[in-house]
Amino acid sequence: MKSEIRLSTISSLKNKAQKLNYQKYLKKVHINKLRAFADQTIEFDFPVTALIGPNGGGKTTVLSSCALLFKSVQPRNFFTKSPQFDKEM
């Protein structure tokens, strides 16, 4: 089966990745004192990063932390209400 992605596109992506030359791409996020995270850095590998883990393992917390980069979005829109964590946020 032939790929639907052109070789020139694949070559261009490889070149960008080698030179770390892609427009808006989050390389890593540092999370400190949020839910189960304490002083941890999560790095994202280009071009694909998969967050996998058990329920309650922190996947949504990582994604929500990344979403906070958008200044126009309030944290309460990403983090659920919890009596344990609301005061920290």
Protein backbone atom coordinates (compact mmCIF):
# COMPACT_ATOMS: atom_id res chain seq x y z
CA MET A 1 0.00 0.00 0.00
CA LYS A 2 1.39 3.38 -1.02
CA SER A 3 1.49 6.22 1.50
CA GLU A 4 -0.73 9.22 0.90
CA ILE A 5 1.99 11.50 2.26
CA ARG A 6 4.43 12.78 -0.33
CA LEU A 7 8.10 12.05 0.14
CA SER A 8 8.81 15.79 -0.11
CA THR A 9 6.49 16.42 2.88
CA ILE A 10 8.19 13.72 4.93
CA SER A 11 11.61 15.09 4.00
CA SER A 12 10.57 18.62 4.96
CA LEU A 13 9.28 17.45 8.35
CA LYS A 14 12.46 15.51 9.05
CA ASN A 15 14.53 18.58 8.16
CA LYS A 16 12.48 20.80 10.48
CA ALA A 17 12.74 18.29 13.30
CA GLN A 18 16.53 17.95 12.95
CA LYS A 19 16.97 21.73 13.06
CA LEU A 20 14.25 22.24 15.71
CA ASN A 21 12.72 24.62 13.18
CA TYR A 22 8.97 24.27 13.46
CA GLN A 23 6.64 27.15 14.09
CA LYS A 24 4.52 26.75 17.20
CA TYR A 25 5.43 23.56 18.96
CA LEU A 26 5.52 22.85 22.67
CA LYS A 27 8.76 21.09 23.53
CA LYS A 28 8.18 20.67 27.25
CA VAL A 29 6.09 21.80 30.17
CA HIS A 30 7.14 22.08 33.80
CA ILE A 31 4.43 21.33 36.36
CA ASN A 32 4.93 22.20 40.00
CA LYS A 33 2.44 21.64 42.83
CA LEU A 34 -0.55 20.70 40.70
CA ARG A 35 -2.55 17.64 41.63
CA ALA A 36 -0.14 14.67 41.75
CA PHE A 37 2.69 16.60 40.06
CA ALA A 38 5.48 18.16 42.08
CA ASP A 39 8.39 19.74 40.24
CA GLN A 40 8.15 17.57 37.11
CA THR A 41 9.05 18.36 33.52
CA ILE A 42 7.28 16.56 30.68
CA GLU A 43 9.00 16.66 27.28
CA PHE A 44 7.14 16.22 24.00
CA ASP A 45 8.94 14.51 21.12
CA PHE A 46 8.34 15.81 17.59
CA PRO A 47 6.30 15.04 15.58
CA VAL A 48 4.07 12.82 17.72
CA THR A 49 3.64 12.47 21.45
CA ALA A 50 1.15 10.06 22.98
CA LEU A 51 0.03 10.43 26.56
CA ILE A 52 -0.91 7.01 27.84
CA GLY A 53 -1.60 5.78 31.32
CA PRO A 54 -4.24 4.52 33.70
CA ASN A 55 -7.33 6.47 34.67
CA GLY A 56 -6.32 9.07 37.23
CA GLY A 57 -2.71 8.95 36.07
CA GLY A 58 -2.45 12.66 35.17
CA LYS A 59 -2.95 12.72 31.38
CA THR A 60 -5.64 15.39 31.55
CA THR A 61 -3.59 17.42 34.02
CA VAL A 62 -0.68 17.49 31.57
CA LEU A 63 -2.92 18.54 28.66
CA SER A 64 -4.71 21.13 30.76
CA SER A 65 -1.40 22.59 31.90
CA CYS A 66 -0.38 22.97 28.26
CA ALA A 67 -3.67 24.68 27.48
CA LEU A 68 -2.89 27.33 30.09
CA LEU A 69 -0.38 28.80 27.65
CA PHE A 70 -3.35 30.51 26.06
CA LYS A 71 -3.68 33.57 28.29
CA SER A 72 -7.31 34.16 27.31
CA VAL A 73 -8.45 30.86 28.85
CA GLN A 74 -9.16 30.64 32.56
CA PRO A 75 -7.73 27.61 34.47
CA ARG A 76 -11.19 26.77 35.82
CA ASN A 77 -12.23 25.89 32.25
CA PHE A 78 -9.77 22.98 32.22
CA PHE A 79 -9.56 21.74 35.78
CA THR A 80 -12.56 20.11 37.43
CA LYS A 81 -13.79 21.28 40.78
CA SER A 82 -12.24 19.32 43.60
CA PRO A 83 -12.23 20.27 47.27
CA GLN A 84 -8.69 18.93 47.50
CA PHE A 85 -7.19 21.01 44.68
CA ASP A 86 -9.35 24.09 44.08
CA LYS A 87 -7.53 26.24 46.65
CA GLU A 88 -4.20 25.48 44.95
CA MET A 89 -5.42 26.64 41.55
